[in-house]
Amino acid sequence: VQLQASGGGLVQAGGSLRLSCKASGHSFRSYSMGWFRQAPGKEREFVAYISVGGSTTSYADSVKGRFTISRDNTRYTAWLQMNSLKPEDAAVYYCAAQSSASRFQDRYAWGYWGQGTLVTVSS
């Protein structure tokens, strides 16, 4: 599966952005989806996870209550709605896909990655 992330940009602290991840191919509904982020000089870290059918989600503690992951299998797309953004949320955001639901907080468990979209948050 090929993934195309978009929706990043510059936003003021407290603002919102919605990231999109468009997948190619009809196999999208077979993949768990996730979002990760990587700030300069830091490791890529888990942000959010959604199961193949969308019934199960999980979030990093740092974004819980502010970010929402969702998907529409008919549109081969996953989203990350980010509200109440903070300067520490600034990073390149990557969407990812895997054919199982194992170790979803571990970046090495994900086999497919989008190209990343930059989120900048001004204070």
C-alpha atoms as a PDB file:
ATOM      1  CA  VAL A   1       0.000   0.000   0.000  1.00  0.00           C
ATOM      2  CA  GLN A   2       1.223   3.498  -0.806  1.00  0.00           C
ATOM      3  CA  LEU A   3       0.405   6.366   1.533  1.00  0.00           C
ATOM      4  CA  GLN A   4       0.206  10.096   0.866  1.00  0.00           C
ATOM      5  CA  ALA A   5       0.050  12.399   3.876  1.00  0.00           C
ATOM      6  CA  SER A   6      -1.118  15.993   3.632  1.00  0.00           C
ATOM      7  CA  GLY A   7      -2.640  18.813   5.632  1.00  0.00           C
ATOM      8  CA  GLY A   8       0.321  20.131   7.548  1.00  0.00           C
ATOM      9  CA  GLY A   9       1.027  23.819   7.887  1.00  0.00           C
ATOM     10  CA  LEU A  10       1.629  26.723  10.228  1.00  0.00           C
ATOM     11  CA  VAL A  11      -0.852  27.290  13.030  1.00  0.00           C
ATOM     12  CA  GLN A  12      -0.902  29.354  16.188  1.00  0.00           C
ATOM     13  CA  ALA A  13      -0.866  27.682  19.558  1.00  0.00           C
ATOM     14  CA  GLY A  14      -4.399  26.712  20.477  1.00  0.00           C
ATOM     15  CA  GLY A  15      -5.374  26.255  16.867  1.00  0.00           C
ATOM     16  CA  SER A  16      -6.369  23.170  14.894  1.00  0.00           C
ATOM     17  CA  LEU A  17      -5.216  21.209  11.882  1.00  0.00           C
ATOM     18  CA  ARG A  18      -6.533  18.128  10.154  1.00  0.00           C
ATOM     19  CA  LEU A  19      -4.048  15.774   8.578  1.00  0.00           C
ATOM     20  CA  SER A  20      -5.076  13.345   5.862  1.00  0.00           C
ATOM     21  CA  CYS A  21      -3.521  10.093   4.742  1.00  0.00           C
ATOM     22  CA  LYS A  22      -4.715   8.808   1.392  1.00  0.00           C
ATOM     23  CA  ALA A  23      -3.916   5.209   0.524  1.00  0.00           C
ATOM     24  CA  SER A  24      -3.673   3.612  -2.859  1.00  0.00           C
ATOM     25  CA  GLY A  25      -5.272   0.278  -3.567  1.00  0.00           C
ATOM     26  CA  HIS A  26      -8.343  -1.548  -2.427  1.00  0.00           C
ATOM     27  CA  SER A  27      -6.477  -3.278   0.392  1.00  0.00           C
ATOM     28  CA  PHE A  28      -6.726  -0.218   2.638  1.00  0.00           C
ATOM     29  CA  ARG A  29      -9.470  -1.824   4.719  1.00  0.00           C
ATOM     30  CA  SER A  30      -7.062  -4.632   5.624  1.00  0.00           C
ATOM     31  CA  TYR A  31      -4.538  -2.341   7.295  1.00  0.00           C
ATOM     32  CA  SER A  32      -4.359  -0.821  10.722  1.00  0.00           C
ATOM     33  CA  MET A  33      -3.403   2.838  10.463  1.00  0.00           C
ATOM     34  CA  GLY A  34      -1.246   4.990  12.643  1.00  0.00           C
ATOM     35  CA  TRP A  35       0.251   8.434  12.979  1.00  0.00           C
ATOM     36  CA  PHE A  36       3.742   9.155  14.205  1.00  0.00           C
ATOM     37  CA  ARG A  37       5.713  12.358  14.486  1.00  0.00           C
ATOM     38  CA  GLN A  38       9.329  13.355  14.541  1.00  0.00           C
ATOM     39  CA  ALA A  39      10.659  16.650  15.828  1.00  0.00           C
ATOM     40  CA  PRO A  40      14.172  17.838  14.927  1.00  0.00           C
ATOM     41  CA  GLY A  41      16.789  15.924  16.871  1.00  0.00           C
ATOM     42  CA  LYS A  42      14.261  13.531  18.337  1.00  0.00           C
ATOM     43  CA  GLU A  43      13.163   9.977  17.711  1.00  0.00           C
ATOM     44  CA  ARG A  44      10.020   9.258  15.715  1.00  0.00           C
ATOM     45  CA  GLU A  45       7.259   8.765  18.251  1.00  0.00           C
ATOM     46  CA  PHE A  46       3.834   7.202  18.277  1.00  0.00           C
ATOM     47  CA  VAL A  47       0.860   9.552  18.183  1.00  0.00           C
ATOM     48  CA  ALA A  48      -2.290   7.574  17.376  1.00  0.00           C
ATOM     49  CA  TYR A  49      -3.584   4.223  16.175  1.00  0.00           C
ATOM     50  CA  ILE A  50      -6.819   3.001  14.631  1.00  0.00           C
ATOM     51  CA  SER A  51      -7.839  -0.570  13.916  1.00  0.00           C
ATOM     52  CA  VAL A  52      -8.893  -1.881  10.505  1.00  0.00           C
ATOM     53  CA  GLY A  53     -12.588  -1.296  11.139  1.00  0.00           C
ATOM     54  CA  GLY A  54     -12.112   1.862  13.166  1.00  0.00           C
ATOM     55  CA  SER A  55     -13.618   0.499  16.350  1.00  0.00           C
ATOM     56  CA  THR A  56     -10.403   0.641  18.355  1.00  0.00           C
ATOM     57  CA  THR A  57      -8.196   3.682  18.794  1.00  0.00           C
ATOM     58  CA  SER A  58      -5.240   4.499  20.991  1.00  0.00           C
ATOM     59  CA  TYR A  59      -3.317   7.682  21.668  1.00  0.00           C
ATOM     60  CA  ALA A  60      -0.060   8.824  23.151  1.00  0.00           C
ATOM     61  CA  ASP A  61      -0.626  10.397  26.542  1.00  0.00           C
ATOM     62  CA  SER A  62       0.720  13.705  25.243  1.00  0.00           C
ATOM     63  CA  VAL A  63      -2.123  14.076  22.717  1.00  0.00           C
ATOM     64  CA  LYS A  64      -4.973  12.282  24.455  1.00  0.00           C
ATOM     65  CA  GLY A  65      -8.064  14.454  24.581  1.00  0.00           C
ATOM     66  CA  ARG A  66      -6.752  16.817  21.908  1.00  0.00           C
ATOM     67  CA  PHE A  67      -6.184  14.608  18.859  1.00  0.00           C
ATOM     68  CA  THR A  68      -8.637  12.273  17.156  1.00  0.00           C
ATOM     69  CA  ILE A  69      -7.802   9.590  14.623  1.00  0.00           C
ATOM     70  CA  SER A  70     -10.444   8.359  12.202  1.00  0.00           C
ATOM     71  CA  ARG A  71     -10.763   6.543   8.912  1.00  0.00           C
ATOM     72  CA  ASP A  72     -13.143   5.935   6.057  1.00  0.00           C
ATOM     73  CA  ASN A  73     -12.455   2.650   4.309  1.00  0.00           C
ATOM     74  CA  THR A  74     -14.668   3.586   1.373  1.00  0.00           C
ATOM     75  CA  ARG A  75     -12.442   6.597   0.717  1.00  0.00           C
ATOM     76  CA  TYR A  76      -9.135   4.842   1.496  1.00  0.00           C
ATOM     77  CA  THR A  77      -8.329   7.680   3.855  1.00  0.00           C
ATOM     78  CA  ALA A  78      -7.337   8.169   7.474  1.00  0.00           C
ATOM     79  CA  TRP A  79      -7.309  11.488   9.306  1.00  0.00           C
ATOM     80  CA  LEU A  80      -5.742  13.002  12.360  1.00  0.00           C
ATOM     81  CA  GLN A  81      -7.738  15.895  13.778  1.00  0.00           C
ATOM     82  CA  MET A  82      -5.468  17.983  15.991  1.00  0.00           C
ATOM     83  CA  ASN A  83      -7.007  20.529  18.336  1.00  0.00           C
ATOM     84  CA  SER A  84      -5.544  22.789  21.022  1.00  0.00           C
ATOM     85  CA  LEU A  85      -2.154  22.564  19.386  1.00  0.00           C
ATOM     86  CA  LYS A  86       0.901  23.354  21.445  1.00  0.00           C
ATOM     87  CA  PRO A  87       4.393  24.402  20.341  1.00  0.00           C
ATOM     88  CA  GLU A  88       5.650  20.982  21.448  1.00  0.00           C
ATOM     89  CA  ASP A  89       3.351  19.365  18.854  1.00  0.00           C
ATOM     90  CA  ALA A  90       5.480  20.823  16.062  1.00  0.00           C
ATOM     91  CA  ALA A  91       7.036  18.025  14.027  1.00  0.00           C
ATOM     92  CA  VAL A  92       6.907  16.158  10.765  1.00  0.00           C
ATOM     93  CA  TYR A  93       3.877  13.880  10.960  1.00  0.00           C
ATOM     94  CA  TYR A  94       3.888  10.508   9.243  1.00  0.00           C
ATOM     95  CA  CYS A  95       1.042   8.147   8.580  1.00  0.00           C
ATOM     96  CA  ALA A  96       1.747   4.449   8.602  1.00  0.00           C
ATOM     97  CA  ALA A  97       0.021   1.176   7.836  1.00  0.00           C
ATOM     98  CA  GLN A  98       0.461  -2.371   9.010  1.00  0.00           C
ATOM     99  CA  SER A  99      -1.367  -5.587   8.236  1.00  0.00           C
ATOM    100  CA  SER A 100      -1.639  -6.575  11.886  1.00  0.00           C
ATOM    101  CA  ALA A 101      -2.356  -4.729  15.119  1.00  0.00           C
ATOM    102  CA  SER A 102       0.705  -5.785  17.005  1.00  0.00           C
ATOM    103  CA  ARG A 103       3.015  -3.457  18.910  1.00  0.00           C
ATOM    104  CA  PHE A 104       1.370  -0.448  17.322  1.00  0.00           C
ATOM    105  CA  GLN A 105       3.328   1.999  19.489  1.00  0.00           C
ATOM    106  CA  ASP A 106       6.568   0.609  18.066  1.00  0.00           C
ATOM    107  CA  ARG A 107       7.577   2.376  14.866  1.00  0.00           C
ATOM    108  CA  TYR A 108       9.481  -0.719  13.719  1.00  0.00           C
ATOM    109  CA  ALA A 109       6.240  -2.708  13.629  1.00  0.00           C
ATOM    110  CA  TRP A 110       4.874  -0.581  10.793  1.00  0.00           C
ATOM    111  CA  GLY A 111       5.744  -1.679   7.285  1.00  0.00           C
ATOM    112  CA  TYR A 112       4.364   1.157   5.203  1.00  0.00           C
ATOM    113  CA  TRP A 113       4.950   4.894   5.582  1.00  0.00           C
ATOM    114  CA  GLY A 114       3.783   8.086   3.980  1.00  0.00           C
ATOM    115  CA  GLN A 115       6.222  10.830   3.103  1.00  0.00           C
ATOM    116  CA  GLY A 116       5.473  13.091   6.079  1.00  0.00           C
ATOM    117  CA  THR A 117       3.792  16.453   6.420  1.00  0.00           C
ATOM    118  CA  LEU A 118       5.229  19.338   8.433  1.00  0.00           C
ATOM    119  CA  VAL A 119       3.275  20.883  11.299  1.00  0.00           C
ATOM    120  CA  THR A 120       4.578  24.136  12.736  1.00  0.00           C
ATOM    121  CA  VAL A 121       2.999  25.668  15.844  1.00  0.00           C
ATOM    122  CA  SER A 122       3.802  29.251  16.748  1.00  0.00           C
ATOM    123  CA  SER A 123       3.570  30.421  20.337  1.00  0.00           C
END
